[in-house]
N, C-alpha and C. Protein backbone atom coordinates (compact mmCIF):
# COMPACT_ATOMS: atom_id res chain seq x y z
N MET A 1 135.88 -36.30 -53.74
CA MET A 1 136.31 -35.03 -53.34
C MET A 1 136.08 -35.46 -51.72
N SER A 2 136.56 -37.13 -50.93
CA SER A 2 136.65 -37.42 -50.13
C SER A 2 137.24 -36.61 -48.80
N THR A 3 137.22 -36.55 -47.70
CA THR A 3 138.16 -35.87 -46.69
C THR A 3 138.44 -37.40 -46.14
N PRO A 4 139.88 -37.27 -45.33
CA PRO A 4 140.69 -37.93 -44.39
C PRO A 4 139.34 -38.47 -42.97
N GLY A 5 138.79 -39.47 -43.00
CA GLY A 5 137.96 -40.59 -42.24
C GLY A 5 136.47 -40.66 -43.20
N PHE A 6 136.27 -39.62 -43.75
CA PHE A 6 134.91 -39.73 -44.75
C PHE A 6 135.04 -39.82 -45.69
N THR A 7 133.48 -40.30 -46.78
CA THR A 7 133.52 -40.52 -47.71
C THR A 7 132.62 -39.38 -48.42
N LEU A 8 132.54 -38.67 -49.60
CA LEU A 8 131.57 -37.98 -49.61
C LEU A 8 130.60 -39.13 -50.97
N MET A 9 129.40 -38.50 -50.12
CA MET A 9 127.98 -39.23 -50.69
C MET A 9 127.10 -38.27 -51.25
N ARG A 10 125.76 -39.22 -52.29
CA ARG A 10 125.32 -38.13 -52.70
C ARG A 10 124.02 -39.03 -52.92
N ILE A 11 122.44 -38.18 -52.68
CA ILE A 11 121.73 -39.34 -52.44
C ILE A 11 121.44 -39.63 -53.75
N PHE A 12 120.73 -41.26 -53.71
CA PHE A 12 121.09 -42.40 -55.11
C PHE A 12 119.92 -42.29 -55.23
N ARG A 13 118.30 -42.87 -54.06
CA ARG A 13 116.82 -43.07 -54.16
C ARG A 13 116.46 -43.30 -52.92
N MET A 14 115.62 -42.57 -53.15
CA MET A 14 114.61 -43.28 -51.66
C MET A 14 113.66 -44.29 -52.45
N VAL A 15 113.37 -45.04 -51.15
CA VAL A 15 112.63 -46.35 -51.62
C VAL A 15 111.55 -46.64 -50.02
N LEU A 16 110.75 -47.51 -50.31
CA LEU A 16 109.74 -47.64 -48.88
C LEU A 16 110.50 -49.18 -48.84
N ASP A 17 110.65 -49.33 -47.57
CA ASP A 17 111.47 -50.79 -46.90
C ASP A 17 109.95 -52.14 -47.12
N PRO A 18 109.96 -53.05 -47.65
CA PRO A 18 109.21 -53.78 -47.99
C PRO A 18 108.38 -54.57 -46.47
N SER A 19 109.02 -54.50 -45.88
CA SER A 19 108.58 -54.82 -44.34
C SER A 19 107.39 -53.90 -43.78
N ASN A 20 107.94 -52.71 -44.04
CA ASN A 20 107.03 -52.07 -43.26
C ASN A 20 106.30 -50.54 -43.75
N ASN A 21 106.97 -50.38 -45.02
CA ASN A 21 106.53 -49.32 -45.85
C ASN A 21 107.42 -48.11 -44.60
N ALA A 22 108.42 -48.16 -44.44
CA ALA A 22 108.98 -47.27 -43.80
C ALA A 22 110.15 -46.26 -45.03
N PRO A 23 110.06 -45.26 -44.85
CA PRO A 23 111.06 -44.62 -46.25
C PRO A 23 112.33 -44.81 -45.99
N ILE A 24 112.94 -45.08 -46.67
CA ILE A 24 114.76 -45.22 -46.53
C ILE A 24 115.49 -44.21 -47.62
N VAL A 25 116.19 -43.36 -47.30
CA VAL A 25 116.82 -43.17 -48.43
C VAL A 25 118.23 -43.64 -48.03
N ILE A 26 118.36 -43.45 -49.64
CA ILE A 26 120.15 -44.43 -50.20
C ILE A 26 121.00 -43.83 -50.49
N LEU A 27 122.21 -43.32 -49.55
CA LEU A 27 123.00 -42.81 -50.11
C LEU A 27 124.00 -43.66 -51.02
N GLN A 28 124.79 -42.99 -52.29
CA GLN A 28 126.21 -43.55 -52.44
C GLN A 28 126.98 -42.47 -52.68
N ASP A 29 128.10 -43.84 -52.62
CA ASP A 29 129.45 -43.11 -52.55
C ASP A 29 129.48 -42.87 -54.68
N PRO A 30 129.91 -41.75 -55.15
CA PRO A 30 129.75 -41.80 -56.17
C PRO A 30 131.17 -42.11 -57.27
N GLU A 31 131.97 -42.50 -56.38
CA GLU A 31 133.54 -42.99 -56.86
C GLU A 31 133.73 -44.49 -56.68
N GLY A 32 133.07 -45.23 -55.30
CA GLY A 32 133.08 -46.43 -55.54
C GLY A 32 131.93 -47.06 -55.40
N GLY A 33 130.99 -46.54 -55.34
CA GLY A 33 129.73 -47.41 -55.51
C GLY A 33 128.65 -47.60 -54.45
N ALA A 34 129.09 -47.62 -53.04
CA ALA A 34 128.83 -48.32 -52.35
C ALA A 34 127.75 -47.35 -51.70
N LEU A 35 126.55 -47.99 -51.11
CA LEU A 35 125.20 -47.71 -50.36
C LEU A 35 124.53 -47.80 -49.67
N LEU A 36 124.52 -46.81 -48.60
CA LEU A 36 124.20 -47.12 -47.49
C LEU A 36 122.87 -46.26 -46.81
N PRO A 37 121.67 -47.59 -47.06
CA PRO A 37 120.74 -47.32 -46.75
C PRO A 37 120.07 -46.37 -45.34
N ILE A 38 119.52 -45.61 -44.77
CA ILE A 38 119.03 -45.20 -44.07
C ILE A 38 117.35 -45.02 -43.73
N TRP A 39 117.11 -45.29 -42.83
CA TRP A 39 115.59 -45.54 -42.74
C TRP A 39 115.32 -43.96 -42.03
N ILE A 40 113.96 -43.09 -42.39
CA ILE A 40 113.52 -41.96 -41.77
C ILE A 40 112.40 -41.93 -42.00
N GLY A 41 112.13 -41.09 -40.77
CA GLY A 41 110.62 -40.77 -40.89
C GLY A 41 110.21 -40.23 -41.85
N ILE A 42 108.67 -40.45 -42.09
CA ILE A 42 107.54 -39.91 -43.25
C ILE A 42 107.78 -38.58 -43.27
N PHE A 43 108.11 -37.21 -42.40
CA PHE A 43 107.95 -36.17 -42.33
C PHE A 43 109.24 -36.20 -43.00
N GLU A 44 110.39 -36.37 -42.40
CA GLU A 44 111.60 -35.95 -43.32
C GLU A 44 111.63 -36.57 -44.76
N ALA A 45 111.28 -37.56 -45.18
CA ALA A 45 111.45 -38.38 -46.25
C ALA A 45 110.71 -37.57 -47.22
N HIS A 46 108.91 -36.47 -46.44
CA HIS A 46 108.72 -35.58 -47.74
C HIS A 46 109.50 -34.53 -47.61
N ALA A 47 110.45 -33.81 -46.63
CA ALA A 47 110.43 -32.74 -46.98
C ALA A 47 111.91 -33.14 -48.03
N ILE A 48 112.47 -34.32 -47.95
CA ILE A 48 113.38 -34.62 -48.91
C ILE A 48 112.90 -34.58 -50.21
N ALA A 49 112.34 -35.38 -50.47
CA ALA A 49 110.96 -35.83 -51.73
C ALA A 49 110.74 -34.29 -52.66
N MET A 50 110.53 -33.23 -51.60
CA MET A 50 109.92 -31.97 -51.91
C MET A 50 111.07 -31.02 -52.89
N LYS A 51 112.41 -31.34 -52.45
CA LYS A 51 113.57 -30.79 -52.79
C LYS A 51 113.88 -31.32 -53.71
N LEU A 52 114.20 -32.51 -53.74
CA LEU A 52 114.44 -33.67 -54.80
C LEU A 52 113.70 -33.24 -56.43
N GLU A 53 112.05 -33.10 -56.57
CA GLU A 53 111.54 -33.12 -57.20
C GLU A 53 111.38 -31.17 -57.19
N GLN A 54 111.93 -30.45 -56.84
CA GLN A 54 111.84 -29.03 -56.84
C GLN A 54 110.71 -28.48 -56.40
N ILE A 55 110.21 -29.12 -55.76
CA ILE A 55 108.71 -28.45 -55.21
C ILE A 55 108.52 -27.32 -54.14
N GLN A 56 108.00 -26.70 -54.47
CA GLN A 56 108.08 -25.53 -53.91
C GLN A 56 106.97 -24.81 -52.30
N ALA A 57 106.78 -25.14 -51.36
CA ALA A 57 105.65 -25.03 -50.43
C ALA A 57 105.27 -23.75 -50.36
N ALA A 58 103.75 -23.48 -50.01
CA ALA A 58 103.56 -22.11 -50.34
C ALA A 58 104.21 -21.23 -49.11
N ARG A 59 104.67 -21.30 -47.61
CA ARG A 59 105.49 -21.43 -46.50
C ARG A 59 106.47 -22.32 -46.50
N PRO A 60 107.09 -21.75 -45.91
CA PRO A 60 108.47 -22.25 -45.07
C PRO A 60 108.23 -23.70 -44.55
N MET A 61 108.97 -24.59 -45.22
CA MET A 61 108.55 -25.78 -44.10
C MET A 61 110.23 -25.68 -43.36
N THR A 62 109.85 -26.99 -42.15
CA THR A 62 111.04 -26.92 -41.03
C THR A 62 112.24 -26.64 -41.69
N HIS A 63 112.85 -27.16 -42.35
CA HIS A 63 114.08 -27.49 -43.17
C HIS A 63 114.49 -26.20 -44.12
N ASP A 64 113.09 -25.59 -44.50
CA ASP A 64 113.85 -24.22 -45.25
C ASP A 64 113.49 -23.47 -44.23
N LEU A 65 112.69 -23.05 -43.15
CA LEU A 65 113.01 -22.48 -42.12
C LEU A 65 114.44 -22.11 -41.78
N LEU A 66 115.25 -23.17 -40.82
CA LEU A 66 116.36 -23.53 -40.29
C LEU A 66 117.47 -22.51 -41.70
N LYS A 67 116.79 -23.49 -42.66
CA LYS A 67 118.11 -22.41 -44.11
C LYS A 67 117.95 -21.23 -44.07
N GLY A 68 116.50 -20.52 -43.46
CA GLY A 68 116.02 -19.48 -43.70
C GLY A 68 117.07 -18.58 -42.61
N VAL A 69 116.71 -19.31 -41.06
CA VAL A 69 117.30 -18.78 -39.93
C VAL A 69 119.27 -18.38 -40.22
N LEU A 70 119.69 -19.75 -40.80
CA LEU A 70 121.22 -19.54 -40.56
C LEU A 70 121.59 -18.46 -42.07
N ASP A 71 120.87 -18.30 -43.32
CA ASP A 71 121.07 -17.20 -43.61
C ASP A 71 121.00 -15.92 -43.40
N SER A 72 120.15 -15.56 -42.19
CA SER A 72 119.77 -14.26 -41.50
C SER A 72 120.85 -14.59 -41.02
N LEU A 73 121.57 -15.19 -40.00
CA LEU A 73 122.24 -14.87 -39.14
C LEU A 73 123.87 -14.68 -39.48
N GLY A 74 124.09 -15.02 -41.25
CA GLY A 74 125.18 -14.69 -41.86
C GLY A 74 126.18 -16.57 -41.55
N ALA A 75 125.37 -17.33 -41.03
CA ALA A 75 126.02 -18.47 -41.09
C ALA A 75 125.96 -19.62 -41.91
N ALA A 76 126.75 -20.44 -42.55
CA ALA A 76 127.11 -21.37 -43.65
C ALA A 76 126.83 -22.76 -43.45
N LEU A 77 126.13 -23.21 -43.27
CA LEU A 77 125.94 -25.33 -43.69
C LEU A 77 127.10 -25.68 -44.71
N GLU A 78 128.70 -25.78 -43.84
CA GLU A 78 129.61 -26.21 -44.92
C GLU A 78 129.34 -27.46 -45.15
N ARG A 79 129.38 -28.33 -44.73
CA ARG A 79 128.74 -29.85 -45.07
C ARG A 79 128.07 -30.80 -43.75
N VAL A 80 127.48 -31.66 -44.13
CA VAL A 80 126.91 -32.72 -43.18
C VAL A 80 127.68 -33.56 -43.14
N GLU A 81 127.64 -34.51 -41.89
CA GLU A 81 128.00 -35.88 -41.58
C GLU A 81 127.60 -36.92 -40.97
N VAL A 82 127.24 -37.76 -41.28
CA VAL A 82 127.13 -39.16 -40.50
C VAL A 82 128.42 -39.53 -40.08
N VAL A 83 127.69 -39.32 -38.78
CA VAL A 83 129.48 -39.67 -37.81
C VAL A 83 129.94 -40.90 -37.21
N ASP A 84 128.58 -41.63 -36.63
CA ASP A 84 128.60 -42.52 -35.94
C ASP A 84 127.08 -43.78 -36.21
N LEU A 85 126.99 -44.85 -36.29
CA LEU A 85 125.97 -45.98 -35.17
C LEU A 85 125.87 -46.30 -34.23
N VAL A 86 125.29 -46.20 -33.16
CA VAL A 86 125.05 -46.55 -31.54
C VAL A 86 123.52 -47.11 -31.47
N ASP A 87 123.68 -47.91 -30.97
CA ASP A 87 122.39 -49.06 -30.94
C ASP A 87 121.58 -48.65 -32.07
N ASN A 88 121.81 -48.64 -33.33
CA ASN A 88 120.89 -48.83 -34.60
C ASN A 88 120.20 -47.26 -34.84
N THR A 89 121.30 -46.44 -34.54
CA THR A 89 121.29 -45.26 -34.70
C THR A 89 122.59 -44.34 -35.40
N TYR A 90 122.00 -43.87 -36.46
CA TYR A 90 122.82 -43.09 -37.03
C TYR A 90 122.87 -41.85 -36.38
N ILE A 91 123.94 -40.85 -36.25
CA ILE A 91 124.43 -39.91 -35.37
C ILE A 91 124.80 -39.05 -36.56
N ALA A 92 124.37 -37.65 -36.45
CA ALA A 92 125.28 -36.88 -38.11
C ALA A 92 125.36 -35.65 -37.20
N ARG A 93 125.93 -34.88 -37.78
CA ARG A 93 125.95 -33.34 -37.22
C ARG A 93 125.86 -32.27 -38.30
N LEU A 94 125.75 -31.21 -38.63
CA LEU A 94 126.07 -30.14 -39.22
C LEU A 94 127.05 -29.60 -38.81
N GLN A 95 128.00 -28.93 -39.93
CA GLN A 95 129.34 -27.93 -39.63
C GLN A 95 128.70 -26.75 -40.47
N LEU A 96 128.44 -25.96 -39.55
CA LEU A 96 128.36 -24.31 -39.90
C LEU A 96 129.71 -23.80 -39.49
N ARG A 97 129.28 -22.34 -40.13
CA ARG A 97 130.84 -21.41 -40.26
C ARG A 97 129.96 -19.86 -40.06
N THR A 98 130.41 -19.35 -38.92
CA THR A 98 130.32 -17.98 -39.19
C THR A 98 131.42 -16.95 -39.27
N GLY A 99 132.03 -16.30 -40.07
CA GLY A 99 133.49 -15.71 -39.72
C GLY A 99 134.37 -16.51 -39.75
N ASP A 100 135.14 -16.28 -38.58
CA ASP A 100 136.54 -17.50 -38.36
C ASP A 100 135.70 -19.01 -37.74
N THR A 101 134.30 -18.76 -37.08
CA THR A 101 134.24 -20.04 -36.04
C THR A 101 133.12 -20.62 -36.57
N THR A 102 133.98 -22.60 -36.33
CA THR A 102 133.27 -23.82 -36.82
C THR A 102 131.85 -23.89 -35.69
N TYR A 103 131.08 -23.89 -35.88
CA TYR A 103 130.13 -25.45 -35.04
C TYR A 103 129.44 -26.39 -35.72
N LYS A 104 129.35 -27.28 -34.89
CA LYS A 104 129.10 -28.95 -35.12
C LYS A 104 127.57 -28.93 -34.33
N VAL A 105 126.89 -29.32 -35.12
CA VAL A 105 125.36 -29.13 -34.05
C VAL A 105 125.09 -30.86 -34.80
N ASP A 106 124.86 -31.58 -33.46
CA ASP A 106 124.01 -32.59 -33.41
C ASP A 106 122.86 -32.86 -33.98
N SER A 107 122.66 -33.74 -34.92
CA SER A 107 121.36 -33.97 -35.98
C SER A 107 121.27 -35.09 -36.11
N ARG A 108 119.77 -35.50 -36.50
CA ARG A 108 119.48 -36.52 -37.16
C ARG A 108 119.86 -36.77 -38.51
N PRO A 109 120.11 -37.92 -38.99
CA PRO A 109 121.09 -37.90 -40.83
C PRO A 109 119.72 -37.53 -41.33
N SER A 110 118.32 -37.45 -41.01
CA SER A 110 117.27 -37.29 -42.12
C SER A 110 117.18 -35.65 -42.47
N ASP A 111 117.42 -35.32 -40.68
CA ASP A 111 117.26 -33.82 -41.26
C ASP A 111 118.42 -33.30 -41.60
N ALA A 112 119.45 -33.92 -41.43
CA ALA A 112 120.62 -33.18 -42.07
C ALA A 112 120.67 -33.08 -43.58
N ILE A 113 120.26 -34.08 -43.66
CA ILE A 113 120.24 -34.30 -45.28
C ILE A 113 119.63 -33.60 -46.11
N ALA A 114 118.15 -33.28 -45.34
CA ALA A 114 117.30 -32.02 -46.19
C ALA A 114 117.55 -30.78 -45.71
N VAL A 115 117.78 -30.59 -44.88
CA VAL A 115 118.60 -29.29 -45.09
C VAL A 115 119.88 -29.14 -45.74
N ALA A 116 120.77 -29.69 -45.63
CA ALA A 116 121.86 -29.82 -46.91
C ALA A 116 121.72 -29.62 -48.00
N LEU A 117 120.65 -30.39 -48.93
CA LEU A 117 119.36 -30.28 -49.79
C LEU A 117 119.32 -29.00 -50.23
N ARG A 118 118.75 -27.98 -49.51
CA ARG A 118 118.39 -26.63 -49.66
C ARG A 118 119.74 -25.93 -49.02
N ALA A 119 120.42 -26.33 -48.38
CA ALA A 119 121.86 -25.34 -48.65
C ALA A 119 123.06 -25.63 -49.51
N ASP A 120 122.92 -26.58 -50.46
CA ASP A 120 123.67 -27.39 -51.00
C ASP A 120 125.00 -27.72 -51.23
N CYS A 121 124.75 -28.49 -49.84
CA CYS A 121 126.46 -28.78 -49.06
C CYS A 121 126.56 -30.36 -49.44
N PRO A 122 127.77 -30.44 -48.92
CA PRO A 122 128.10 -31.98 -49.65
C PRO A 122 127.89 -32.45 -48.25
N ILE A 123 127.58 -33.75 -48.51
CA ILE A 123 127.00 -35.43 -47.45
C ILE A 123 128.42 -35.93 -47.33
N PHE A 124 128.62 -36.29 -46.05
CA PHE A 124 129.61 -37.20 -45.62
C PHE A 124 129.43 -38.19 -44.79
N VAL A 125 130.22 -39.60 -45.29
CA VAL A 125 129.89 -40.29 -44.51
C VAL A 125 130.73 -40.87 -43.73
N ALA A 126 131.19 -41.42 -42.49
CA ALA A 126 132.56 -41.76 -41.39
C ALA A 126 132.69 -43.19 -42.35
N ASP A 127 134.10 -42.99 -43.05
CA ASP A 127 134.32 -44.26 -43.05
C ASP A 127 134.04 -45.89 -42.56
N HIS A 128 134.18 -45.74 -40.88
CA HIS A 128 133.67 -46.68 -40.26
C HIS A 128 132.34 -47.20 -40.08
N VAL A 129 131.47 -45.84 -40.49
CA VAL A 129 129.99 -46.17 -40.58
C VAL A 129 129.49 -46.62 -41.79
N LEU A 130 129.97 -46.27 -42.86
CA LEU A 130 130.29 -47.00 -44.26
C LEU A 130 130.66 -48.24 -44.26
N GLU A 131 131.55 -48.70 -43.71
CA GLU A 131 132.16 -50.16 -43.57
C GLU A 131 131.19 -51.13 -42.99
N ALA A 132 130.59 -50.39 -41.91
CA ALA A 132 129.59 -51.05 -40.64
C ALA A 132 128.05 -51.17 -41.56
N SER A 133 127.84 -50.74 -42.15
CA SER A 133 126.39 -50.40 -42.86
C SER A 133 125.76 -50.58 -44.44
N LYS A 134 127.04 -50.92 -45.47
CA LYS A 134 126.84 -50.37 -46.93
C LYS A 134 126.53 -51.91 -47.33
N ILE A 135 126.01 -51.30 -48.71
CA ILE A 135 125.67 -52.59 -48.91
C ILE A 135 126.43 -52.54 -50.49
N ASP A 136 126.54 -53.46 -51.24
CA ASP A 136 127.29 -54.05 -52.26
C ASP A 136 126.78 -53.86 -53.40
N PRO A 137 126.81 -52.82 -54.17
CA PRO A 137 125.73 -52.94 -55.32
C PRO A 137 126.02 -53.69 -56.85
N ALA A 138 127.38 -54.47 -56.42
CA ALA A 138 127.35 -55.92 -57.36
C ALA A 138 126.53 -56.49 -56.68
N ASN A 139 126.09 -56.65 -55.83
CA ASN A 139 124.80 -57.87 -55.49
C ASN A 139 123.72 -57.77 -56.29
N PHE A 140 123.38 -56.62 -56.98
CA PHE A 140 122.29 -56.80 -57.45
C PHE A 140 122.38 -55.50 -58.85
N LYS A 141 121.51 -55.44 -59.47
CA LYS A 141 121.04 -54.41 -60.65
C LYS A 141 121.03 -53.34 -59.87
N LEU A 142 121.27 -52.24 -60.10
CA LEU A 142 120.80 -50.87 -60.06
C LEU A 142 119.94 -50.25 -61.09
N ASP A 143 119.81 -50.70 -61.99
CA ASP A 143 118.94 -50.13 -63.50
C ASP A 143 118.10 -51.17 -63.49
N ALA A 144 117.75 -51.92 -62.80
CA ALA A 144 116.77 -52.83 -63.40
C ALA A 144 115.75 -52.65 -62.50
N ASP A 145 114.61 -52.17 -62.96
CA ASP A 145 113.35 -52.27 -62.18
C ASP A 145 112.18 -53.66 -62.38
N LYS A 146 112.87 -54.50 -63.16
CA LYS A 146 112.37 -55.99 -62.84
C LYS A 146 113.31 -57.18 -63.26
N GLU A 147 113.56 -57.90 -62.61
CA GLU A 147 114.71 -58.70 -63.12
C GLU A 147 114.07 -60.03 -63.94
N GLU A 148 114.29 -60.33 -64.62
CA GLU A 148 113.34 -61.37 -65.87
C GLU A 148 113.43 -62.88 -65.13
N GLY A 149 112.73 -63.17 -64.44
CA GLY A 149 112.39 -64.40 -64.39
C GLY A 149 112.22 -63.94 -62.62
N ALA A 150 111.85 -62.97 -62.11
CA ALA A 150 111.58 -62.88 -60.74
C ALA A 150 110.39 -63.47 -59.95
N GLU A 151 110.41 -64.05 -58.97
CA GLU A 151 109.45 -64.80 -58.21
C GLU A 151 108.34 -63.05 -58.63
N GLY A 152 107.33 -63.03 -58.87
CA GLY A 152 105.94 -61.82 -58.23
C GLY A 152 106.49 -61.14 -59.10
N ASP A 153 105.84 -59.85 -58.61
CA ASP A 153 106.16 -58.54 -58.75
C ASP A 153 107.32 -57.86 -58.42
N GLU A 154 108.07 -58.55 -57.25
CA GLU A 154 108.89 -57.71 -56.75
C GLU A 154 110.14 -57.23 -57.82
N ASP A 155 110.53 -55.88 -57.31
CA ASP A 155 111.75 -55.27 -58.06
C ASP A 155 112.78 -55.87 -57.58
N GLU A 156 114.43 -55.13 -57.73
CA GLU A 156 115.42 -55.81 -57.22
C GLU A 156 115.74 -55.18 -56.11
N TRP A 157 115.23 -53.89 -55.81
CA TRP A 157 115.38 -53.17 -54.49
C TRP A 157 114.66 -53.92 -53.85
N THR A 158 113.17 -54.30 -53.44
CA THR A 158 112.61 -55.17 -52.67
C THR A 158 113.39 -56.27 -52.23
N ARG A 159 113.81 -56.88 -53.51
CA ARG A 159 114.62 -58.07 -52.78
C ARG A 159 115.77 -57.79 -52.05
N MET A 160 116.44 -56.94 -52.44
CA MET A 160 117.60 -56.55 -51.51
C MET A 160 117.63 -56.42 -50.27
N LEU A 161 116.32 -55.53 -50.02
CA LEU A 161 115.75 -54.31 -48.91
C LEU A 161 115.65 -55.85 -47.79
N LYS A 162 114.76 -56.56 -48.57
CA LYS A 162 114.28 -57.93 -47.36
C LYS A 162 115.49 -58.84 -47.11
N ASN A 163 116.56 -59.28 -47.79
CA ASN A 163 117.80 -59.38 -47.27
C ASN A 163 119.08 -59.20 -47.00
N TYR A 164 118.47 -57.70 -46.26
CA TYR A 164 119.31 -56.69 -46.35
C TYR A 164 119.74 -56.73 -44.57
N ASN A 165 120.20 -56.83 -44.11
CA ASN A 165 120.02 -57.00 -42.21
C ASN A 165 121.04 -55.65 -41.72
N PRO A 166 120.27 -54.72 -41.69
CA PRO A 166 121.50 -53.41 -40.65
C PRO A 166 122.15 -54.20 -39.98
N PRO A 167 123.03 -53.05 -39.18
CA PRO A 167 123.60 -53.15 -37.81
C PRO A 167 122.92 -53.45 -37.17
N GLY A 168 122.92 -54.39 -35.75
CA GLY A 168 122.05 -54.48 -35.04
C GLY A 168 120.68 -55.23 -35.24
N GLY A 169 120.46 -55.67 -35.91
CA GLY A 169 119.14 -55.80 -36.67
C GLY A 169 117.87 -55.26 -37.61
N ARG A 170 116.87 -55.68 -37.87
CA ARG A 170 115.75 -54.68 -39.01
C ARG A 170 115.36 -53.62 -37.74
N GLU A 171 115.01 -52.94 -36.72
CA GLU A 171 114.41 -52.10 -36.16
C GLU A 171 114.46 -50.68 -37.38
N LYS A 172 114.03 -50.03 -36.92
CA LYS A 172 114.18 -48.61 -37.83
C LYS A 172 115.49 -47.96 -37.44
N ILE A 173 116.32 -47.77 -38.20
CA ILE A 173 117.43 -47.20 -37.80
C ILE A 173 117.25 -45.49 -38.64
N ASN A 174 117.53 -44.39 -37.78
CA ASN A 174 117.40 -43.06 -38.75
C ASN A 174 118.30 -42.27 -37.90
């Protein structure tokens, strides 16, 4: 279900960057298999992980609060889009609808993904962003936690991430 210029993605996995222990959310194109790693902050990683694990906080956390505000105002989050990569920073936006009016609101991808999970809405990545940043899953075993004969205790993800060079270098991208 892609739209022109965008590819529908899903959350594939969350991992830690082996060089600095920064959380990474990995999006996957369910049709083509391409993977897009996005470095995110610890708080956003926690919010995403809580929703993925279906853990309910005693009181609304920030992303739950935003979803509640949208619901109270009668606004629907229709989709989340990662629209660009500028100076090692992914740019995302929320597409909201109230009645006949559509709003596009700037967001960090990590926050957009956390809210998308709560609103059960699709996540899209602009094709040019995916092409510039994707990882080809054919280069490593997606289902293997350990590769037989691999050096040390590194798993396949750790080796892949050590060798991955994001556009613009290894600085944190979020």
